[in-house]
Amino acid sequence: MDLDAVLDHLHKRGQRATYSAVGGVVGRPARSVMQGQPKTARNSWVVAKENGLPTGYTTADIDPRLSTSGKPLATPEELRQWLRAAR
């Protein structure tokens, strides 16, 4: 699954996932998985495991549903399982 598909699923269902979980699924290092991506509400669902928030985003860039969403998917395995169930 490519990055755009993962981002679409996370945004559509209001589910957070950590940089390392997304990186593991799309085959990129966690530090660079979102490199080159705009800071938009759609992309704000990829978050740091330390605080559950996207790095470098302003409040205006973050999807308002993020504050009431559940625990982020923290590992590639959790994210893969969730993506399979979400199809």
C-alpha atoms as a PDB file:
ATOM      1  CA  MET A   1       0.000   0.000   0.000  1.00  0.00           C
ATOM      2  CA  ASP A   2       1.371   3.434  -0.848  1.00  0.00           C
ATOM      3  CA  LEU A   3       1.512   6.503   1.396  1.00  0.00           C
ATOM      4  CA  ASP A   4      -1.442   8.263  -0.237  1.00  0.00           C
ATOM      5  CA  ALA A   5      -3.692   5.253   0.301  1.00  0.00           C
ATOM      6  CA  VAL A   6      -2.673   4.999   3.967  1.00  0.00           C
ATOM      7  CA  LEU A   7      -3.261   8.730   4.498  1.00  0.00           C
ATOM      8  CA  ASP A   8      -6.666   8.506   2.819  1.00  0.00           C
ATOM      9  CA  HIS A   9      -7.745   5.632   5.093  1.00  0.00           C
ATOM     10  CA  LEU A  10      -6.514   7.336   8.269  1.00  0.00           C
ATOM     11  CA  HIS A  11      -8.217  10.617   7.381  1.00  0.00           C
ATOM     12  CA  LYS A  12     -11.485   9.056   6.248  1.00  0.00           C
ATOM     13  CA  ARG A  13     -11.851   7.007   9.447  1.00  0.00           C
ATOM     14  CA  GLY A  14     -10.312   9.513  11.864  1.00  0.00           C
ATOM     15  CA  GLN A  15      -7.540   7.207  13.059  1.00  0.00           C
ATOM     16  CA  ARG A  16      -4.092   8.341  14.171  1.00  0.00           C
ATOM     17  CA  ALA A  17      -0.948   6.325  13.425  1.00  0.00           C
ATOM     18  CA  THR A  18       2.634   7.020  14.428  1.00  0.00           C
ATOM     19  CA  TYR A  19       5.353   7.993  12.001  1.00  0.00           C
ATOM     20  CA  SER A  20       7.070   4.660  12.644  1.00  0.00           C
ATOM     21  CA  ALA A  21       3.886   2.668  11.985  1.00  0.00           C
ATOM     22  CA  VAL A  22       3.258   4.436   8.684  1.00  0.00           C
ATOM     23  CA  GLY A  23       6.932   4.267   7.713  1.00  0.00           C
ATOM     24  CA  GLY A  24       6.990   0.533   8.360  1.00  0.00           C
ATOM     25  CA  VAL A  25       3.942  -0.042   6.165  1.00  0.00           C
ATOM     26  CA  VAL A  26       5.130   2.070   3.230  1.00  0.00           C
ATOM     27  CA  GLY A  27       8.812   1.106   3.482  1.00  0.00           C
ATOM     28  CA  ARG A  28      10.269   4.449   4.550  1.00  0.00           C
ATOM     29  CA  PRO A  29      12.160   5.564   7.650  1.00  0.00           C
ATOM     30  CA  ALA A  30       9.907   7.147  10.281  1.00  0.00           C
ATOM     31  CA  ARG A  31      11.936  10.382  10.202  1.00  0.00           C
ATOM     32  CA  SER A  32      11.259  10.961   6.515  1.00  0.00           C
ATOM     33  CA  VAL A  33       7.918   9.276   5.895  1.00  0.00           C
ATOM     34  CA  MET A  34       6.077  12.605   5.611  1.00  0.00           C
ATOM     35  CA  GLN A  35       8.916  14.512   3.953  1.00  0.00           C
ATOM     36  CA  GLY A  36       7.582  16.618   1.104  1.00  0.00           C
ATOM     37  CA  GLN A  37       3.965  16.223   2.208  1.00  0.00           C
ATOM     38  CA  PRO A  38       1.977  19.423   2.873  1.00  0.00           C
ATOM     39  CA  LYS A  39       0.830  20.140   6.417  1.00  0.00           C
ATOM     40  CA  THR A  40      -2.902  19.564   5.908  1.00  0.00           C
ATOM     41  CA  ALA A  41      -5.765  18.120   7.938  1.00  0.00           C
ATOM     42  CA  ARG A  42      -5.583  14.951   5.829  1.00  0.00           C
ATOM     43  CA  ASN A  43      -1.921  14.447   6.680  1.00  0.00           C
ATOM     44  CA  SER A  44      -2.252  15.394  10.366  1.00  0.00           C
ATOM     45  CA  TRP A  45      -3.292  11.842  11.281  1.00  0.00           C
ATOM     46  CA  VAL A  46       0.367  10.756  11.230  1.00  0.00           C
ATOM     47  CA  VAL A  47       1.692  11.614  14.668  1.00  0.00           C
ATOM     48  CA  ALA A  48       4.616  11.371  17.061  1.00  0.00           C
ATOM     49  CA  LYS A  49       4.374   8.528  19.561  1.00  0.00           C
ATOM     50  CA  GLU A  50       5.554  10.801  22.390  1.00  0.00           C
ATOM     51  CA  ASN A  51       2.598  13.198  22.318  1.00  0.00           C
ATOM     52  CA  GLY A  52       0.136  11.878  19.715  1.00  0.00           C
ATOM     53  CA  LEU A  53       0.389  15.042  17.623  1.00  0.00           C
ATOM     54  CA  PRO A  54       1.779  15.724  14.158  1.00  0.00           C
ATOM     55  CA  THR A  55       5.174  17.413  14.210  1.00  0.00           C
ATOM     56  CA  GLY A  56       5.445  21.011  13.003  1.00  0.00           C
ATOM     57  CA  TYR A  57       1.743  21.603  12.427  1.00  0.00           C
ATOM     58  CA  THR A  58      -0.176  24.695  13.526  1.00  0.00           C
ATOM     59  CA  THR A  59      -3.572  24.275  15.160  1.00  0.00           C
ATOM     60  CA  ALA A  60      -5.200  25.448  11.923  1.00  0.00           C
ATOM     61  CA  ASP A  61      -3.483  22.625   9.990  1.00  0.00           C
ATOM     62  CA  ILE A  62      -4.694  19.819  12.276  1.00  0.00           C
ATOM     63  CA  ASP A  63      -7.974  18.005  11.656  1.00  0.00           C
ATOM     64  CA  PRO A  64     -10.320  19.041  14.507  1.00  0.00           C
ATOM     65  CA  ARG A  65     -11.320  15.396  15.036  1.00  0.00           C
ATOM     66  CA  LEU A  66      -7.757  14.571  16.102  1.00  0.00           C
ATOM     67  CA  SER A  67      -8.334  15.821  19.660  1.00  0.00           C
ATOM     68  CA  THR A  68     -11.135  13.318  20.220  1.00  0.00           C
ATOM     69  CA  SER A  69      -9.685  10.382  18.324  1.00  0.00           C
ATOM     70  CA  GLY A  70      -8.490   7.268  20.086  1.00  0.00           C
ATOM     71  CA  LYS A  71      -5.026   5.969  20.757  1.00  0.00           C
ATOM     72  CA  PRO A  72      -2.667   6.061  17.765  1.00  0.00           C
ATOM     73  CA  LEU A  73      -1.717   2.831  16.024  1.00  0.00           C
ATOM     74  CA  ALA A  74       1.880   2.513  17.165  1.00  0.00           C
ATOM     75  CA  THR A  75       3.441  -0.296  15.133  1.00  0.00           C
ATOM     76  CA  PRO A  76       3.458  -1.330  11.496  1.00  0.00           C
ATOM     77  CA  GLU A  77       1.740  -4.583  12.503  1.00  0.00           C
ATOM     78  CA  GLU A  78      -1.124  -2.717  14.230  1.00  0.00           C
ATOM     79  CA  LEU A  79      -1.545  -0.437  11.229  1.00  0.00           C
ATOM     80  CA  ARG A  80      -1.514  -3.327   8.730  1.00  0.00           C
ATOM     81  CA  GLN A  81      -4.145  -5.161  10.759  1.00  0.00           C
ATOM     82  CA  TRP A  82      -6.311  -2.033  10.980  1.00  0.00           C
ATOM     83  CA  LEU A  83      -5.958  -1.384   7.233  1.00  0.00           C
ATOM     84  CA  ARG A  84      -7.025  -4.959   6.417  1.00  0.00           C
ATOM     85  CA  ALA A  85     -10.111  -4.571   8.611  1.00  0.00           C
ATOM     86  CA  ALA A  86     -10.880  -1.119   7.152  1.00  0.00           C
ATOM     87  CA  ARG A  87     -11.168  -2.352   3.551  1.00  0.00           C
END
